Amino acid sequence: MPLIKVQTSVDAPEPTAVEGLLLLLSGKLSKHLGKSESYVMTAFEPEVAMTFGSTVEPVCYVEVKNVGSMSPAQTQAMSQDFCQVINEHLGVPINRVYIEFADAKGSMWGWNGSTFG
């Protein structure tokens, strides 16, 4: 159900570093949402042509989607946590990271030939 997708303008790190980042984000998202990590999906897209504030300095866009509702306290905690992780692992300053949080109805999220609602 939960998804975290990272798009960034920075070059792709080594494959093992990408795997480590995705596994770290997967565990953190599972913990923040209180959902089994067995349902968490992660995605990473490096070297995306992006601008922010009229510059091409390193930037990152993160999508977090979840079946159900995320509270303001959860999104605040995730924003702080994920911005820090992105900064530490990709070198993107936290003030150049946007995160979009989106709740989804179970009927609008498909899996295993069915939906969650």
C-alpha atoms as a PDB file:
ATOM      1  CA  MET A   1       0.000   0.000   0.000  1.00  0.00           C
ATOM      2  CA  PRO A   2       2.507   2.680   0.962  1.00  0.00           C
ATOM      3  CA  LEU A   3       4.775   4.024  -1.761  1.00  0.00           C
ATOM      4  CA  ILE A   4       7.776   6.325  -1.559  1.00  0.00           C
ATOM      5  CA  LYS A   5       9.191   7.517  -4.876  1.00  0.00           C
ATOM      6  CA  VAL A   6      12.304   9.669  -5.087  1.00  0.00           C
ATOM      7  CA  GLN A   7      13.112  11.721  -8.187  1.00  0.00           C
ATOM      8  CA  THR A   8      16.322  13.731  -8.172  1.00  0.00           C
ATOM      9  CA  SER A   9      18.584  15.687 -10.455  1.00  0.00           C
ATOM     10  CA  VAL A  10      21.746  14.183  -8.934  1.00  0.00           C
ATOM     11  CA  ASP A  11      23.759  11.452 -10.618  1.00  0.00           C
ATOM     12  CA  ALA A  12      22.950   7.866  -9.744  1.00  0.00           C
ATOM     13  CA  PRO A  13      24.936   6.569  -6.784  1.00  0.00           C
ATOM     14  CA  GLU A  14      26.452   3.088  -6.882  1.00  0.00           C
ATOM     15  CA  PRO A  15      23.762   0.360  -7.071  1.00  0.00           C
ATOM     16  CA  THR A  16      24.458  -0.834  -3.535  1.00  0.00           C
ATOM     17  CA  ALA A  17      24.027   2.733  -2.241  1.00  0.00           C
ATOM     18  CA  VAL A  18      20.694   3.008  -4.056  1.00  0.00           C
ATOM     19  CA  GLU A  19      19.541  -0.306  -2.594  1.00  0.00           C
ATOM     20  CA  GLY A  20      20.584   0.842   0.868  1.00  0.00           C
ATOM     21  CA  LEU A  21      18.706   4.122   0.480  1.00  0.00           C
ATOM     22  CA  LEU A  22      15.553   2.388  -0.718  1.00  0.00           C
ATOM     23  CA  LEU A  23      15.647  -0.185   2.067  1.00  0.00           C
ATOM     24  CA  LEU A  24      16.167   2.582   4.644  1.00  0.00           C
ATOM     25  CA  LEU A  25      13.231   4.586   3.265  1.00  0.00           C
ATOM     26  CA  SER A  26      11.068   1.448   3.155  1.00  0.00           C
ATOM     27  CA  GLY A  27      11.665   0.710   6.814  1.00  0.00           C
ATOM     28  CA  LYS A  28      11.110   4.311   7.851  1.00  0.00           C
ATOM     29  CA  LEU A  29       7.861   4.613   5.874  1.00  0.00           C
ATOM     30  CA  SER A  30       6.573   1.368   7.375  1.00  0.00           C
ATOM     31  CA  LYS A  31       7.349   2.630  10.878  1.00  0.00           C
ATOM     32  CA  HIS A  32       5.855   6.108  10.336  1.00  0.00           C
ATOM     33  CA  LEU A  33       2.604   4.661   8.998  1.00  0.00           C
ATOM     34  CA  GLY A  34       2.423   1.641  11.277  1.00  0.00           C
ATOM     35  CA  LYS A  35       2.020  -0.697   8.310  1.00  0.00           C
ATOM     36  CA  SER A  36       3.802  -3.907   7.401  1.00  0.00           C
ATOM     37  CA  GLU A  37       6.923  -3.340   5.340  1.00  0.00           C
ATOM     38  CA  SER A  38       5.848  -6.294   3.196  1.00  0.00           C
ATOM     39  CA  TYR A  39       3.450  -3.888   1.425  1.00  0.00           C
ATOM     40  CA  VAL A  40       5.829  -0.912   1.040  1.00  0.00           C
ATOM     41  CA  MET A  41       7.082  -0.082  -2.460  1.00  0.00           C
ATOM     42  CA  THR A  42      10.038   2.200  -3.152  1.00  0.00           C
ATOM     43  CA  ALA A  43      11.284   3.764  -6.391  1.00  0.00           C
ATOM     44  CA  PHE A  44      14.332   5.858  -7.282  1.00  0.00           C
ATOM     45  CA  GLU A  45      14.832   7.962 -10.419  1.00  0.00           C
ATOM     46  CA  PRO A  46      18.204   9.745 -10.648  1.00  0.00           C
ATOM     47  CA  GLU A  47      19.388  12.256 -13.242  1.00  0.00           C
ATOM     48  CA  VAL A  48      15.934  13.763 -13.839  1.00  0.00           C
ATOM     49  CA  ALA A  49      16.063  17.171 -15.540  1.00  0.00           C
ATOM     50  CA  MET A  50      14.735  19.469 -12.802  1.00  0.00           C
ATOM     51  CA  THR A  51      14.863  23.058 -11.609  1.00  0.00           C
ATOM     52  CA  PHE A  52      13.950  24.678  -8.305  1.00  0.00           C
ATOM     53  CA  GLY A  53      14.033  28.389  -7.558  1.00  0.00           C
ATOM     54  CA  SER A  54      15.223  29.097 -11.110  1.00  0.00           C
ATOM     55  CA  THR A  55      18.410  27.053 -10.663  1.00  0.00           C
ATOM     56  CA  VAL A  56      19.608  23.603 -11.683  1.00  0.00           C
ATOM     57  CA  GLU A  57      21.430  22.991  -8.389  1.00  0.00           C
ATOM     58  CA  PRO A  58      20.744  19.539  -6.875  1.00  0.00           C
ATOM     59  CA  VAL A  59      17.047  19.067  -6.164  1.00  0.00           C
ATOM     60  CA  CYS A  60      14.723  16.260  -5.139  1.00  0.00           C
ATOM     61  CA  TYR A  61      11.003  15.536  -5.397  1.00  0.00           C
ATOM     62  CA  VAL A  62       9.535  12.790  -3.221  1.00  0.00           C
ATOM     63  CA  GLU A  63       6.067  11.251  -3.429  1.00  0.00           C
ATOM     64  CA  VAL A  64       4.582   9.447  -0.446  1.00  0.00           C
ATOM     65  CA  LYS A  65       1.273   7.691  -1.100  1.00  0.00           C
ATOM     66  CA  ASN A  66      -0.767   5.663   1.341  1.00  0.00           C
ATOM     67  CA  VAL A  67      -4.101   3.870   1.462  1.00  0.00           C
ATOM     68  CA  GLY A  68      -5.815   5.572   4.366  1.00  0.00           C
ATOM     69  CA  SER A  69      -5.220   8.908   6.044  1.00  0.00           C
ATOM     70  CA  MET A  70      -1.965  10.469   7.145  1.00  0.00           C
ATOM     71  CA  SER A  71      -2.237  12.950   9.998  1.00  0.00           C
ATOM     72  CA  PRO A  72      -0.480  16.322  10.039  1.00  0.00           C
ATOM     73  CA  ALA A  73       1.782  15.011  12.816  1.00  0.00           C
ATOM     74  CA  GLN A  74       2.756  12.018  10.653  1.00  0.00           C
ATOM     75  CA  THR A  75       3.486  14.116   7.566  1.00  0.00           C
ATOM     76  CA  GLN A  76       5.529  16.601   9.622  1.00  0.00           C
ATOM     77  CA  ALA A  77       7.609  13.779  11.127  1.00  0.00           C
ATOM     78  CA  MET A  78       8.070  12.114   7.734  1.00  0.00           C
ATOM     79  CA  SER A  79       9.089  15.386   6.094  1.00  0.00           C
ATOM     80  CA  GLN A  80      11.779  15.967   8.699  1.00  0.00           C
ATOM     81  CA  ASP A  81      12.992  12.359   8.558  1.00  0.00           C
ATOM     82  CA  PHE A  82      12.978  11.921   4.767  1.00  0.00           C
ATOM     83  CA  CYS A  83      14.573  15.328   4.066  1.00  0.00           C
ATOM     84  CA  GLN A  84      17.412  14.392   6.407  1.00  0.00           C
ATOM     85  CA  VAL A  85      17.881  10.995   4.727  1.00  0.00           C
ATOM     86  CA  ILE A  86      17.902  12.576   1.250  1.00  0.00           C
ATOM     87  CA  ASN A  87      20.462  15.134   2.406  1.00  0.00           C
ATOM     88  CA  GLU A  88      22.726  12.517   3.979  1.00  0.00           C
ATOM     89  CA  HIS A  89      22.555   9.997   1.123  1.00  0.00           C
ATOM     90  CA  LEU A  90      22.243  12.212  -1.971  1.00  0.00           C
ATOM     91  CA  GLY A  91      23.713  15.520  -0.815  1.00  0.00           C
ATOM     92  CA  VAL A  92      20.588  17.496  -1.708  1.00  0.00           C
ATOM     93  CA  PRO A  93      20.056  20.383   0.741  1.00  0.00           C
ATOM     94  CA  ILE A  94      16.842  19.944   2.730  1.00  0.00           C
ATOM     95  CA  ASN A  95      15.544  23.294   1.491  1.00  0.00           C
ATOM     96  CA  ARG A  96      15.662  21.891  -2.063  1.00  0.00           C
ATOM     97  CA  VAL A  97      13.445  18.879  -1.330  1.00  0.00           C
ATOM     98  CA  TYR A  98       9.704  18.882  -1.961  1.00  0.00           C
ATOM     99  CA  ILE A  99       7.586  16.045  -0.603  1.00  0.00           C
ATOM    100  CA  GLU A 100       4.045  15.381  -1.763  1.00  0.00           C
ATOM    101  CA  PHE A 101       1.900  13.354   0.640  1.00  0.00           C
ATOM    102  CA  ALA A 102      -1.211  11.764  -0.854  1.00  0.00           C
ATOM    103  CA  ASP A 103      -3.905   9.664   0.789  1.00  0.00           C
ATOM    104  CA  ALA A 104      -5.684   7.126  -1.407  1.00  0.00           C
ATOM    105  CA  LYS A 105      -9.003   5.356  -1.074  1.00  0.00           C
ATOM    106  CA  GLY A 106      -8.622   1.600  -0.933  1.00  0.00           C
ATOM    107  CA  SER A 107     -10.761   1.224  -4.050  1.00  0.00           C
ATOM    108  CA  MET A 108      -8.308   3.445  -5.957  1.00  0.00           C
ATOM    109  CA  TRP A 109      -5.242   1.289  -5.175  1.00  0.00           C
ATOM    110  CA  GLY A 110      -4.875  -2.006  -7.037  1.00  0.00           C
ATOM    111  CA  TRP A 111      -2.831  -5.026  -6.020  1.00  0.00           C
ATOM    112  CA  ASN A 112      -2.823  -8.739  -6.753  1.00  0.00           C
ATOM    113  CA  GLY A 113      -5.644  -8.489  -9.290  1.00  0.00           C
ATOM    114  CA  SER A 114      -7.960  -6.626  -6.922  1.00  0.00           C
ATOM    115  CA  THR A 115      -8.029  -3.438  -4.838  1.00  0.00           C
ATOM    116  CA  PHE A 116      -7.718  -2.598  -1.154  1.00  0.00           C
ATOM    117  CA  GLY A 117     -11.300  -1.331  -0.942  1.00  0.00           C
END
